[in-house]
mmCIF file of all heavy atoms, coordinates in Angstrom:
data_MODEL
# 
_entry.id   MODEL 
# 
loop_
_atom_site.group_PDB 
_atom_site.id 
_atom_site.type_symbol 
_atom_site.label_atom_id 
_atom_site.label_alt_id 
_atom_site.label_comp_id 
_atom_site.label_asym_id 
_atom_site.label_entity_id 
_atom_site.label_seq_id 
_atom_site.pdbx_PDB_ins_code 
_atom_site.Cartn_x 
_atom_site.Cartn_y 
_atom_site.Cartn_z 
_atom_site.occupancy 
_atom_site.B_iso_or_equiv 
_atom_site.pdbx_formal_charge 
_atom_site.auth_seq_id 
_atom_site.auth_comp_id 
_atom_site.auth_asym_id 
_atom_site.auth_atom_id 
_atom_site.pdbx_PDB_model_num 
ATOM 1   N N   . ALA A 1 1  ? 37.354 -18.139 12.299 1.00 0.00 ? 1  ALA A N   1 
ATOM 2   C CA  . ALA A 1 1  ? 37.879 -17.520 13.525 1.00 0.00 ? 1  ALA A CA  1 
ATOM 3   C C   . ALA A 1 1  ? 36.792 -16.686 14.181 1.00 0.00 ? 1  ALA A C   1 
ATOM 4   O O   . ALA A 1 1  ? 36.625 -16.699 15.406 1.00 0.00 ? 1  ALA A O   1 
ATOM 5   C CB  . ALA A 1 1  ? 39.093 -16.667 13.204 1.00 0.00 ? 1  ALA A CB  1 
ATOM 6   N N   . HIS A 1 2  ? 36.034 -15.961 13.387 1.00 0.00 ? 2  HIS A N   1 
ATOM 7   C CA  . HIS A 1 2  ? 34.945 -15.152 13.938 1.00 0.00 ? 2  HIS A CA  1 
ATOM 8   C C   . HIS A 1 2  ? 33.921 -16.047 14.631 1.00 0.00 ? 2  HIS A C   1 
ATOM 9   O O   . HIS A 1 2  ? 33.424 -15.712 15.718 1.00 0.00 ? 2  HIS A O   1 
ATOM 10  C CB  . HIS A 1 2  ? 34.252 -14.350 12.826 1.00 0.00 ? 2  HIS A CB  1 
ATOM 11  C CG  . HIS A 1 2  ? 35.073 -13.231 12.278 1.00 0.00 ? 2  HIS A CG  1 
ATOM 12  N ND1 . HIS A 1 2  ? 35.456 -12.141 13.013 1.00 0.00 ? 2  HIS A ND1 1 
ATOM 13  C CD2 . HIS A 1 2  ? 35.591 -13.030 11.038 1.00 0.00 ? 2  HIS A CD2 1 
ATOM 14  C CE1 . HIS A 1 2  ? 36.151 -11.321 12.283 1.00 0.00 ? 2  HIS A CE1 1 
ATOM 15  N NE2 . HIS A 1 2  ? 36.272 -11.847 11.058 1.00 0.00 ? 2  HIS A NE2 1 
ATOM 16  N N   . ILE A 1 3  ? 33.589 -17.140 14.012 1.00 0.00 ? 3  ILE A N   1 
ATOM 17  C CA  . ILE A 1 3  ? 32.591 -18.064 14.575 1.00 0.00 ? 3  ILE A CA  1 
ATOM 18  C C   . ILE A 1 3  ? 33.097 -18.641 15.893 1.00 0.00 ? 3  ILE A C   1 
ATOM 19  O O   . ILE A 1 3  ? 32.368 -18.701 16.889 1.00 0.00 ? 3  ILE A O   1 
ATOM 20  C CB  . ILE A 1 3  ? 32.245 -19.178 13.562 1.00 0.00 ? 3  ILE A CB  1 
ATOM 21  C CG1 . ILE A 1 3  ? 31.489 -18.585 12.383 1.00 0.00 ? 3  ILE A CG1 1 
ATOM 22  C CG2 . ILE A 1 3  ? 31.434 -20.282 14.216 1.00 0.00 ? 3  ILE A CG2 1 
ATOM 23  C CD1 . ILE A 1 3  ? 31.313 -19.544 11.215 1.00 0.00 ? 3  ILE A CD1 1 
ATOM 24  N N   . VAL A 1 4  ? 34.375 -19.054 15.914 1.00 0.00 ? 4  VAL A N   1 
ATOM 25  C CA  . VAL A 1 4  ? 34.954 -19.643 17.134 1.00 0.00 ? 4  VAL A CA  1 
ATOM 26  C C   . VAL A 1 4  ? 34.961 -18.623 18.263 1.00 0.00 ? 4  VAL A C   1 
ATOM 27  O O   . VAL A 1 4  ? 34.564 -18.906 19.393 1.00 0.00 ? 4  VAL A O   1 
ATOM 28  C CB  . VAL A 1 4  ? 36.386 -20.173 16.845 1.00 0.00 ? 4  VAL A CB  1 
ATOM 29  C CG1 . VAL A 1 4  ? 37.089 -20.520 18.134 1.00 0.00 ? 4  VAL A CG1 1 
ATOM 30  C CG2 . VAL A 1 4  ? 36.333 -21.378 15.928 1.00 0.00 ? 4  VAL A CG2 1 
ATOM 31  N N   . VAL A 1 5  ? 35.380 -17.393 17.935 1.00 0.00 ? 5  VAL A N   1 
ATOM 32  C CA  . VAL A 1 5  ? 35.431 -16.347 18.968 1.00 0.00 ? 5  VAL A CA  1 
ATOM 33  C C   . VAL A 1 5  ? 34.027 -16.073 19.487 1.00 0.00 ? 5  VAL A C   1 
ATOM 34  O O   . VAL A 1 5  ? 33.802 -15.931 20.694 1.00 0.00 ? 5  VAL A O   1 
ATOM 35  C CB  . VAL A 1 5  ? 36.086 -15.060 18.385 1.00 0.00 ? 5  VAL A CB  1 
ATOM 36  C CG1 . VAL A 1 5  ? 35.884 -13.882 19.313 1.00 0.00 ? 5  VAL A CG1 1 
ATOM 37  C CG2 . VAL A 1 5  ? 37.566 -15.303 18.131 1.00 0.00 ? 5  VAL A CG2 1 
ATOM 38  N N   . HIS A 1 6  ? 33.070 -16.007 18.581 1.00 0.00 ? 6  HIS A N   1 
ATOM 39  C CA  . HIS A 1 6  ? 31.686 -15.727 18.975 1.00 0.00 ? 6  HIS A CA  1 
ATOM 40  C C   . HIS A 1 6  ? 31.158 -16.834 19.897 1.00 0.00 ? 6  HIS A C   1 
ATOM 41  O O   . HIS A 1 6  ? 30.503 -16.553 20.913 1.00 0.00 ? 6  HIS A O   1 
ATOM 42  C CB  . HIS A 1 6  ? 30.814 -15.597 17.718 1.00 0.00 ? 6  HIS A CB  1 
ATOM 43  C CG  . HIS A 1 6  ? 29.428 -15.118 18.015 1.00 0.00 ? 6  HIS A CG  1 
ATOM 44  N ND1 . HIS A 1 6  ? 29.170 -13.853 18.487 1.00 0.00 ? 6  HIS A ND1 1 
ATOM 45  C CD2 . HIS A 1 6  ? 28.237 -15.762 17.931 1.00 0.00 ? 6  HIS A CD2 1 
ATOM 46  C CE1 . HIS A 1 6  ? 27.876 -13.728 18.674 1.00 0.00 ? 6  HIS A CE1 1 
ATOM 47  N NE2 . HIS A 1 6  ? 27.278 -14.876 18.330 1.00 0.00 ? 6  HIS A NE2 1 
ATOM 48  N N   . ARG A 1 7  ? 31.436 -18.066 19.541 1.00 0.00 ? 7  ARG A N   1 
ATOM 49  C CA  . ARG A 1 7  ? 30.975 -19.192 20.380 1.00 0.00 ? 7  ARG A CA  1 
ATOM 50  C C   . ARG A 1 7  ? 31.640 -19.165 21.753 1.00 0.00 ? 7  ARG A C   1 
ATOM 51  O O   . ARG A 1 7  ? 31.001 -19.429 22.786 1.00 0.00 ? 7  ARG A O   1 
ATOM 52  C CB  . ARG A 1 7  ? 31.262 -20.521 19.683 1.00 0.00 ? 7  ARG A CB  1 
ATOM 53  C CG  . ARG A 1 7  ? 30.300 -20.793 18.552 1.00 0.00 ? 7  ARG A CG  1 
ATOM 54  C CD  . ARG A 1 7  ? 30.540 -22.122 17.922 1.00 0.00 ? 7  ARG A CD  1 
ATOM 55  N NE  . ARG A 1 7  ? 29.653 -22.332 16.778 1.00 0.00 ? 7  ARG A NE  1 
ATOM 56  C CZ  . ARG A 1 7  ? 29.878 -23.182 15.817 1.00 0.00 ? 7  ARG A CZ  1 
ATOM 57  N NH1 . ARG A 1 7  ? 30.953 -23.950 15.847 1.00 0.00 ? 7  ARG A NH1 1 
ATOM 58  N NH2 . ARG A 1 7  ? 29.032 -23.310 14.817 1.00 0.00 ? 7  ARG A NH2 1 
ATOM 59  N N   . GLN A 1 8  ? 32.935 -18.831 21.765 1.00 0.00 ? 8  GLN A N   1 
ATOM 60  C CA  . GLN A 1 8  ? 33.647 -18.756 23.048 1.00 0.00 ? 8  GLN A CA  1 
ATOM 61  C C   . GLN A 1 8  ? 33.051 -17.651 23.920 1.00 0.00 ? 8  GLN A C   1 
ATOM 62  O O   . GLN A 1 8  ? 32.903 -17.811 25.131 1.00 0.00 ? 8  GLN A O   1 
ATOM 63  C CB  . GLN A 1 8  ? 35.132 -18.520 22.815 1.00 0.00 ? 8  GLN A CB  1 
ATOM 64  C CG  . GLN A 1 8  ? 35.851 -19.735 22.270 1.00 0.00 ? 8  GLN A CG  1 
ATOM 65  C CD  . GLN A 1 8  ? 37.322 -19.462 21.955 1.00 0.00 ? 8  GLN A CD  1 
ATOM 66  O OE1 . GLN A 1 8  ? 37.745 -18.330 21.919 1.00 0.00 ? 8  GLN A OE1 1 
ATOM 67  N NE2 . GLN A 1 8  ? 38.075 -20.539 21.738 1.00 0.00 ? 8  GLN A NE2 1 
ATOM 68  N N   . LEU A 1 9  ? 32.723 -16.543 23.259 1.00 0.00 ? 9  LEU A N   1 
ATOM 69  C CA  . LEU A 1 9  ? 32.121 -15.442 24.007 1.00 0.00 ? 9  LEU A CA  1 
ATOM 70  C C   . LEU A 1 9  ? 30.764 -15.865 24.576 1.00 0.00 ? 9  LEU A C   1 
ATOM 71  O O   . LEU A 1 9  ? 30.430 -15.537 25.731 1.00 0.00 ? 9  LEU A O   1 
ATOM 72  C CB  . LEU A 1 9  ? 31.950 -14.213 23.101 1.00 0.00 ? 9  LEU A CB  1 
ATOM 73  C CG  . LEU A 1 9  ? 33.242 -13.518 22.682 1.00 0.00 ? 9  LEU A CG  1 
ATOM 74  C CD1 . LEU A 1 9  ? 32.938 -12.401 21.691 1.00 0.00 ? 9  LEU A CD1 1 
ATOM 75  C CD2 . LEU A 1 9  ? 33.987 -12.976 23.886 1.00 0.00 ? 9  LEU A CD2 1 
ATOM 76  N N   . GLN A 1 10 ? 29.992 -16.609 23.797 1.00 0.00 ? 10 GLN A N   1 
ATOM 77  C CA  . GLN A 1 10 ? 28.699 -17.102 24.288 1.00 0.00 ? 10 GLN A CA  1 
ATOM 78  C C   . GLN A 1 10 ? 28.900 -18.043 25.478 1.00 0.00 ? 10 GLN A C   1 
ATOM 79  O O   . GLN A 1 10 ? 28.138 -17.980 26.460 1.00 0.00 ? 10 GLN A O   1 
ATOM 80  C CB  . GLN A 1 10 ? 27.943 -17.828 23.164 1.00 0.00 ? 10 GLN A CB  1 
ATOM 81  C CG  . GLN A 1 10 ? 27.365 -16.900 22.119 1.00 0.00 ? 10 GLN A CG  1 
ATOM 82  C CD  . GLN A 1 10 ? 26.680 -17.657 20.992 1.00 0.00 ? 10 GLN A CD  1 
ATOM 83  O OE1 . GLN A 1 10 ? 27.004 -18.821 20.741 1.00 0.00 ? 10 GLN A OE1 1 
ATOM 84  N NE2 . GLN A 1 10 ? 25.762 -16.994 20.315 1.00 0.00 ? 10 GLN A NE2 1 
ATOM 85  N N   . ASP A 1 11 ? 29.914 -18.899 25.359 1.00 0.00 ? 11 ASP A N   1 
ATOM 86  C CA  . ASP A 1 11 ? 30.212 -19.824 26.473 1.00 0.00 ? 11 ASP A CA  1 
ATOM 87  C C   . ASP A 1 11 ? 30.593 -19.046 27.719 1.00 0.00 ? 11 ASP A C   1 
ATOM 88  O O   . ASP A 1 11 ? 30.163 -19.379 28.845 1.00 0.00 ? 11 ASP A O   1 
ATOM 89  C CB  . ASP A 1 11 ? 31.337 -20.787 26.089 1.00 0.00 ? 11 ASP A CB  1 
ATOM 90  C CG  . ASP A 1 11 ? 30.900 -21.794 25.033 1.00 0.00 ? 11 ASP A CG  1 
ATOM 91  O OD1 . ASP A 1 11 ? 29.683 -21.979 24.816 1.00 0.00 ? 11 ASP A OD1 1 
ATOM 92  O OD2 . ASP A 1 11 ? 31.807 -22.426 24.436 1.00 0.00 ? 11 ASP A OD2 1 
ATOM 93  N N   . ILE A 1 12 ? 31.379 -18.004 27.533 1.00 0.00 ? 12 ILE A N   1 
ATOM 94  C CA  . ILE A 1 12 ? 31.822 -17.200 28.686 1.00 0.00 ? 12 ILE A CA  1 
ATOM 95  C C   . ILE A 1 12 ? 30.616 -16.517 29.328 1.00 0.00 ? 12 ILE A C   1 
ATOM 96  O O   . ILE A 1 12 ? 30.472 -16.505 30.555 1.00 0.00 ? 12 ILE A O   1 
ATOM 97  C CB  . ILE A 1 12 ? 32.882 -16.168 28.248 1.00 0.00 ? 12 ILE A CB  1 
ATOM 98  C CG1 . ILE A 1 12 ? 34.166 -16.903 27.886 1.00 0.00 ? 12 ILE A CG1 1 
ATOM 99  C CG2 . ILE A 1 12 ? 33.136 -15.136 29.322 1.00 0.00 ? 12 ILE A CG2 1 
ATOM 100 C CD1 . ILE A 1 12 ? 35.204 -16.024 27.221 1.00 0.00 ? 12 ILE A CD1 1 
ATOM 101 N N   . VAL A 1 13 ? 29.751 -15.954 28.495 1.00 0.00 ? 13 VAL A N   1 
ATOM 102 C CA  . VAL A 1 13 ? 28.555 -15.281 29.015 1.00 0.00 ? 13 VAL A CA  1 
ATOM 103 C C   . VAL A 1 13 ? 27.680 -16.294 29.766 1.00 0.00 ? 13 VAL A C   1 
ATOM 104 O O   . VAL A 1 13 ? 27.149 -15.998 30.837 1.00 0.00 ? 13 VAL A O   1 
ATOM 105 C CB  . VAL A 1 13 ? 27.785 -14.591 27.861 1.00 0.00 ? 13 VAL A CB  1 
ATOM 106 C CG1 . VAL A 1 13 ? 26.413 -14.126 28.333 1.00 0.00 ? 13 VAL A CG1 1 
ATOM 107 C CG2 . VAL A 1 13 ? 28.588 -13.429 27.308 1.00 0.00 ? 13 VAL A CG2 1 
ATOM 108 N N   . LEU A 1 14 ? 27.549 -17.487 29.210 1.00 0.00 ? 14 LEU A N   1 
ATOM 109 C CA  . LEU A 1 14 ? 26.752 -18.523 29.863 1.00 0.00 ? 14 LEU A CA  1 
ATOM 110 C C   . LEU A 1 14 ? 27.353 -18.884 31.229 1.00 0.00 ? 14 LEU A C   1 
ATOM 111 O O   . LEU A 1 14 ? 26.634 -18.994 32.231 1.00 0.00 ? 14 LEU A O   1 
ATOM 112 C CB  . LEU A 1 14 ? 26.657 -19.770 28.967 1.00 0.00 ? 14 LEU A CB  1 
ATOM 113 C CG  . LEU A 1 14 ? 25.812 -20.913 29.502 1.00 0.00 ? 14 LEU A CG  1 
ATOM 114 C CD1 . LEU A 1 14 ? 24.347 -20.475 29.640 1.00 0.00 ? 14 LEU A CD1 1 
ATOM 115 C CD2 . LEU A 1 14 ? 25.918 -22.120 28.595 1.00 0.00 ? 14 LEU A CD2 1 
ATOM 116 N N   . VAL A 1 15 ? 28.684 -19.032 31.231 1.00 0.00 ? 15 VAL A N   1 
ATOM 117 C CA  . VAL A 1 15 ? 29.362 -19.348 32.505 1.00 0.00 ? 15 VAL A CA  1 
ATOM 118 C C   . VAL A 1 15 ? 29.141 -18.218 33.497 1.00 0.00 ? 15 VAL A C   1 
ATOM 119 O O   . VAL A 1 15 ? 28.866 -18.450 34.684 1.00 0.00 ? 15 VAL A O   1 
ATOM 120 C CB  . VAL A 1 15 ? 30.870 -19.602 32.268 1.00 0.00 ? 15 VAL A CB  1 
ATOM 121 C CG1 . VAL A 1 15 ? 31.625 -19.629 33.585 1.00 0.00 ? 15 VAL A CG1 1 
ATOM 122 C CG2 . VAL A 1 15 ? 31.061 -20.913 31.521 1.00 0.00 ? 15 VAL A CG2 1 
ATOM 123 N N   . GLN A 1 16 ? 29.218 -16.979 33.016 1.00 0.00 ? 16 GLN A N   1 
ATOM 124 C CA  . GLN A 1 16 ? 29.012 -15.843 33.914 1.00 0.00 ? 16 GLN A CA  1 
ATOM 125 C C   . GLN A 1 16 ? 27.590 -15.828 34.474 1.00 0.00 ? 16 GLN A C   1 
ATOM 126 O O   . GLN A 1 16 ? 27.380 -15.569 35.665 1.00 0.00 ? 16 GLN A O   1 
ATOM 127 C CB  . GLN A 1 16 ? 29.283 -14.534 33.166 1.00 0.00 ? 16 GLN A CB  1 
ATOM 128 C CG  . GLN A 1 16 ? 30.745 -14.270 32.934 1.00 0.00 ? 16 GLN A CG  1 
ATOM 129 C CD  . GLN A 1 16 ? 30.952 -12.972 32.170 1.00 0.00 ? 16 GLN A CD  1 
ATOM 130 O OE1 . GLN A 1 16 ? 30.026 -12.468 31.562 1.00 0.00 ? 16 GLN A OE1 1 
ATOM 131 N NE2 . GLN A 1 16 ? 32.167 -12.463 32.234 1.00 0.00 ? 16 GLN A NE2 1 
ATOM 132 N N   . GLN A 1 17 ? 26.640 -16.108 33.589 1.00 0.00 ? 17 GLN A N   1 
ATOM 133 C CA  . GLN A 1 17 ? 25.247 -16.136 34.059 1.00 0.00 ? 17 GLN A CA  1 
ATOM 134 C C   . GLN A 1 17 ? 25.054 -17.230 35.100 1.00 0.00 ? 17 GLN A C   1 
ATOM 135 O O   . GLN A 1 17 ? 24.354 -17.043 36.119 1.00 0.00 ? 17 GLN A O   1 
ATOM 136 C CB  . GLN A 1 17 ? 24.297 -16.349 32.875 1.00 0.00 ? 17 GLN A CB  1 
ATOM 137 C CG  . GLN A 1 17 ? 24.159 -15.130 31.997 1.00 0.00 ? 17 GLN A CG  1 
ATOM 138 C CD  . GLN A 1 17 ? 23.296 -15.398 30.769 1.00 0.00 ? 17 GLN A CD  1 
ATOM 139 O OE1 . GLN A 1 17 ? 23.054 -16.552 30.418 1.00 0.00 ? 17 GLN A OE1 1 
ATOM 140 N NE2 . GLN A 1 17 ? 22.853 -14.327 30.133 1.00 0.00 ? 17 GLN A NE2 1 
ATOM 141 N N   . GLN A 1 18 ? 25.687 -18.370 34.838 1.00 0.00 ? 18 GLN A N   1 
ATOM 142 C CA  . GLN A 1 18 ? 25.589 -19.469 35.819 1.00 0.00 ? 18 GLN A CA  1 
ATOM 143 C C   . GLN A 1 18 ? 26.247 -19.058 37.136 1.00 0.00 ? 18 GLN A C   1 
ATOM 144 O O   . GLN A 1 18 ? 25.722 -19.347 38.224 1.00 0.00 ? 18 GLN A O   1 
ATOM 145 C CB  . GLN A 1 18 ? 26.239 -20.728 35.263 1.00 0.00 ? 18 GLN A CB  1 
ATOM 146 C CG  . GLN A 1 18 ? 25.458 -21.366 34.140 1.00 0.00 ? 18 GLN A CG  1 
ATOM 147 C CD  . GLN A 1 18 ? 26.219 -22.517 33.468 1.00 0.00 ? 18 GLN A CD  1 
ATOM 148 O OE1 . GLN A 1 18 ? 27.403 -22.709 33.734 1.00 0.00 ? 18 GLN A OE1 1 
ATOM 149 N NE2 . GLN A 1 18 ? 25.522 -23.246 32.607 1.00 0.00 ? 18 GLN A NE2 1 
ATOM 150 N N   . GLN A 1 19 ? 27.390 -18.361 36.997 1.00 0.00 ? 19 GLN A N   1 
ATOM 151 C CA  . GLN A 1 19 ? 28.091 -17.907 38.207 1.00 0.00 ? 19 GLN A CA  1 
ATOM 152 C C   . GLN A 1 19 ? 27.239 -16.885 38.964 1.00 0.00 ? 19 GLN A C   1 
ATOM 153 O O   . GLN A 1 19 ? 27.135 -16.933 40.208 1.00 0.00 ? 19 GLN A O   1 
ATOM 154 C CB  . GLN A 1 19 ? 29.434 -17.276 37.840 1.00 0.00 ? 19 GLN A CB  1 
ATOM 155 C CG  . GLN A 1 19 ? 30.493 -18.268 37.435 1.00 0.00 ? 19 GLN A CG  1 
ATOM 156 C CD  . GLN A 1 19 ? 30.934 -19.134 38.601 1.00 0.00 ? 19 GLN A CD  1 
ATOM 157 O OE1 . GLN A 1 19 ? 31.050 -18.683 39.744 1.00 0.00 ? 19 GLN A OE1 1 
ATOM 158 N NE2 . GLN A 1 19 ? 31.136 -20.418 38.333 1.00 0.00 ? 19 GLN A NE2 1 
ATOM 159 N N   . ILE A 1 20 ? 26.615 -15.999 38.197 1.00 0.00 ? 20 ILE A N   1 
ATOM 160 C CA  . ILE A 1 20 ? 25.780 -14.986 38.850 1.00 0.00 ? 20 ILE A CA  1 
ATOM 161 C C   . ILE A 1 20 ? 24.605 -15.649 39.548 1.00 0.00 ? 20 ILE A C   1 
ATOM 162 O O   . ILE A 1 20 ? 24.249 -15.315 40.696 1.00 0.00 ? 20 ILE A O   1 
ATOM 163 C CB  . ILE A 1 20 ? 25.307 -13.955 37.804 1.00 0.00 ? 20 ILE A CB  1 
ATOM 164 C CG1 . ILE A 1 20 ? 26.484 -13.094 37.369 1.00 0.00 ? 20 ILE A CG1 1 
ATOM 165 C CG2 . ILE A 1 20 ? 24.184 -13.075 38.361 1.00 0.00 ? 20 ILE A CG2 1 
ATOM 166 C CD1 . ILE A 1 20 ? 26.196 -12.197 36.179 1.00 0.00 ? 20 ILE A CD1 1 
ATOM 167 N N   . GLU A 1 21 ? 23.980 -16.622 38.856 1.00 0.00 ? 21 GLU A N   1 
ATOM 168 C CA  . GLU A 1 21 ? 22.869 -17.346 39.488 1.00 0.00 ? 21 GLU A CA  1 
ATOM 169 C C   . GLU A 1 21 ? 23.348 -18.102 40.734 1.00 0.00 ? 21 GLU A C   1 
ATOM 170 O O   . GLU A 1 21 ? 22.673 -18.121 41.776 1.00 0.00 ? 21 GLU A O   1 
ATOM 171 C CB  . GLU A 1 21 ? 22.246 -18.321 38.488 1.00 0.00 ? 21 GLU A CB  1 
ATOM 172 C CG  . GLU A 1 21 ? 21.435 -17.649 37.407 1.00 0.00 ? 21 GLU A CG  1 
ATOM 173 C CD  . GLU A 1 21 ? 20.938 -18.638 36.348 1.00 0.00 ? 21 GLU A CD  1 
ATOM 174 O OE1 . GLU A 1 21 ? 21.064 -19.860 36.555 1.00 0.00 ? 21 GLU A OE1 1 
ATOM 175 O OE2 . GLU A 1 21 ? 20.450 -18.159 35.326 1.00 0.00 ? 21 GLU A OE2 1 
ATOM 176 N N   . TYR A 1 22 ? 24.518 -18.688 40.567 1.00 0.00 ? 22 TYR A N   1 
ATOM 177 C CA  . TYR A 1 22 ? 25.087 -19.415 41.706 1.00 0.00 ? 22 TYR A CA  1 
ATOM 178 C C   . TYR A 1 22 ? 25.332 -18.473 42.875 1.00 0.00 ? 22 TYR A C   1 
ATOM 179 O O   . TYR A 1 22 ? 24.973 -18.760 44.020 1.00 0.00 ? 22 TYR A O   1 
ATOM 180 C CB  . TYR A 1 22 ? 26.392 -20.092 41.270 1.00 0.00 ? 22 TYR A CB  1 
ATOM 181 C CG  . TYR A 1 22 ? 27.206 -20.628 42.424 1.00 0.00 ? 22 TYR A CG  1 
ATOM 182 C CD1 . TYR A 1 22 ? 26.819 -21.782 43.100 1.00 0.00 ? 22 TYR A CD1 1 
ATOM 183 C CD2 . TYR A 1 22 ? 28.350 -19.966 42.844 1.00 0.00 ? 22 TYR A CD2 1 
ATOM 184 C CE1 . TYR A 1 22 ? 27.547 -22.272 44.166 1.00 0.00 ? 22 TYR A CE1 1 
ATOM 185 C CE2 . TYR A 1 22 ? 29.079 -20.444 43.920 1.00 0.00 ? 22 TYR A CE2 1 
ATOM 186 C CZ  . TYR A 1 22 ? 28.683 -21.606 44.578 1.00 0.00 ? 22 TYR A CZ  1 
ATOM 187 O OH  . TYR A 1 22 ? 29.424 -22.065 45.619 1.00 0.00 ? 22 TYR A OH  1 
ATOM 188 N N   . PHE A 1 23 ? 25.930 -17.323 42.580 1.00 0.00 ? 23 PHE A N   1 
ATOM 189 C CA  . PHE A 1 23 ? 26.220 -16.378 43.656 1.00 0.00 ? 23 PHE A CA  1 
ATOM 190 C C   . PHE A 1 23 ? 24.936 -15.795 44.249 1.00 0.00 ? 23 PHE A C   1 
ATOM 191 O O   . PHE A 1 23 ? 24.829 -15.569 45.467 1.00 0.00 ? 23 PHE A O   1 
ATOM 192 C CB  . PHE A 1 23 ? 27.122 -15.246 43.156 1.00 0.00 ? 23 PHE A CB  1 
ATOM 193 C CG  . PHE A 1 23 ? 28.537 -15.680 42.912 1.00 0.00 ? 23 PHE A CG  1 
ATOM 194 C CD1 . PHE A 1 23 ? 29.143 -15.429 41.705 1.00 0.00 ? 23 PHE A CD1 1 
ATOM 195 C CD2 . PHE A 1 23 ? 29.258 -16.350 43.880 1.00 0.00 ? 23 PHE A CD2 1 
ATOM 196 C CE1 . PHE A 1 23 ? 30.439 -15.842 41.474 1.00 0.00 ? 23 PHE A CE1 1 
ATOM 197 C CE2 . PHE A 1 23 ? 30.549 -16.766 43.662 1.00 0.00 ? 23 PHE A CE2 1 
ATOM 198 C CZ  . PHE A 1 23 ? 31.142 -16.513 42.434 1.00 0.00 ? 23 PHE A CZ  1 
ATOM 199 N N   . SER A 1 24 ? 23.985 -15.559 43.358 1.00 0.00 ? 24 SER A N   1 
ATOM 200 C CA  . SER A 1 24 ? 22.693 -15.050 43.861 1.00 0.00 ? 24 SER A CA  1 
ATOM 201 C C   . SER A 1 24 ? 22.051 -16.057 44.814 1.00 0.00 ? 24 SER A C   1 
ATOM 202 O O   . SER A 1 24 ? 21.533 -15.686 45.875 1.00 0.00 ? 24 SER A O   1 
ATOM 203 C CB  . SER A 1 24 ? 21.746 -14.786 42.694 1.00 0.00 ? 24 SER A CB  1 
ATOM 204 O OG  . SER A 1 24 ? 22.236 -13.751 41.905 1.00 0.00 ? 24 SER A OG  1 
ATOM 205 N N   . GLU A 1 25 ? 22.089 -17.294 44.407 1.00 0.00 ? 25 GLU A N   1 
ATOM 206 C CA  . GLU A 1 25 ? 21.527 -18.351 45.247 1.00 0.00 ? 25 GLU A CA  1 
ATOM 207 C C   . GLU A 1 25 ? 22.304 -18.468 46.554 1.00 0.00 ? 25 GLU A C   1 
ATOM 208 O O   . GLU A 1 25 ? 21.712 -18.622 47.635 1.00 0.00 ? 25 GLU A O   1 
ATOM 209 C CB  . GLU A 1 25 ? 21.553 -19.681 44.464 1.00 0.00 ? 25 GLU A CB  1 
ATOM 210 C CG  . GLU A 1 25 ? 20.746 -20.771 45.080 1.00 0.00 ? 25 GLU A CG  1 
ATOM 211 C CD  . GLU A 1 25 ? 19.252 -20.468 45.096 1.00 0.00 ? 25 GLU A CD  1 
ATOM 212 O OE1 . GLU A 1 25 ? 18.738 -19.804 44.173 1.00 0.00 ? 25 GLU A OE1 1 
ATOM 213 O OE2 . GLU A 1 25 ? 18.605 -20.860 46.043 1.00 0.00 ? 25 GLU A OE2 1 
ATOM 214 N N   . MET A 1 26 ? 23.620 -18.384 46.393 1.00 0.00 ? 26 MET A N   1 
ATOM 215 C CA  . MET A 1 26 ? 24.471 -18.504 47.578 1.00 0.00 ? 26 MET A CA  1 
ATOM 216 C C   . MET A 1 26 ? 24.230 -17.333 48.531 1.00 0.00 ? 26 MET A C   1 
ATOM 217 O O   . MET A 1 26 ? 24.116 -17.520 49.759 1.00 0.00 ? 26 MET A O   1 
ATOM 218 C CB  . MET A 1 26 ? 25.933 -18.539 47.159 1.00 0.00 ? 26 MET A CB  1 
ATOM 219 C CG  . MET A 1 26 ? 26.865 -18.972 48.246 1.00 0.00 ? 26 MET A CG  1 
ATOM 220 S SD  . MET A 1 26 ? 28.487 -19.297 47.579 1.00 0.00 ? 26 MET A SD  1 
ATOM 221 C CE  . MET A 1 26 ? 29.220 -17.738 47.850 1.00 0.00 ? 26 MET A CE  1 
ATOM 222 N N   . ILE A 1 27 ? 24.110 -16.154 47.968 1.00 0.00 ? 27 ILE A N   1 
ATOM 223 C CA  . ILE A 1 27 ? 23.885 -14.977 48.804 1.00 0.00 ? 27 ILE A CA  1 
ATOM 224 C C   . ILE A 1 27 ? 22.519 -15.075 49.478 1.00 0.00 ? 27 ILE A C   1 
ATOM 225 O O   . ILE A 1 27 ? 22.357 -14.750 50.661 1.00 0.00 ? 27 ILE A O   1 
ATOM 226 C CB  . ILE A 1 27 ? 24.011 -13.690 47.957 1.00 0.00 ? 27 ILE A CB  1 
ATOM 227 C CG1 . ILE A 1 27 ? 25.453 -13.487 47.557 1.00 0.00 ? 27 ILE A CG1 1 
ATOM 228 C CG2 . ILE A 1 27 ? 23.481 -12.476 48.694 1.00 0.00 ? 27 ILE A CG2 1 
ATOM 229 C CD1 . ILE A 1 27 ? 25.676 -12.397 46.545 1.00 0.00 ? 27 ILE A CD1 1 
ATOM 230 N N   . LYS A 1 28 ? 21.556 -15.526 48.718 1.00 0.00 ? 28 LYS A N   1 
ATOM 231 C CA  . LYS A 1 28 ? 20.210 -15.679 49.270 1.00 0.00 ? 28 LYS A CA  1 
ATOM 232 C C   . LYS A 1 28 ? 20.213 -16.650 50.456 1.00 0.00 ? 28 LYS A C   1 
ATOM 233 O O   . LYS A 1 28 ? 19.585 -16.399 51.480 1.00 0.00 ? 28 LYS A O   1 
ATOM 234 C CB  . LYS A 1 28 ? 19.282 -16.183 48.161 1.00 0.00 ? 28 LYS A CB  1 
ATOM 235 C CG  . LYS A 1 28 ? 17.827 -16.129 48.504 1.00 0.00 ? 28 LYS A CG  1 
ATOM 236 C CD  . LYS A 1 28 ? 17.050 -16.574 47.279 1.00 0.00 ? 28 LYS A CD  1 
ATOM 237 C CE  . LYS A 1 28 ? 15.579 -16.516 47.545 1.00 0.00 ? 28 LYS A CE  1 
ATOM 238 N NZ  . LYS A 1 28 ? 14.793 -17.008 46.425 1.00 0.00 ? 28 LYS A NZ  1 
# 
């Protein structure tokens, strides 16, 4: 369960980073 939660958190962070990059690009 710890491993699954940790991986999900990593996926979420990755999605957020992609979203931030996307928004940064979009804003630019």
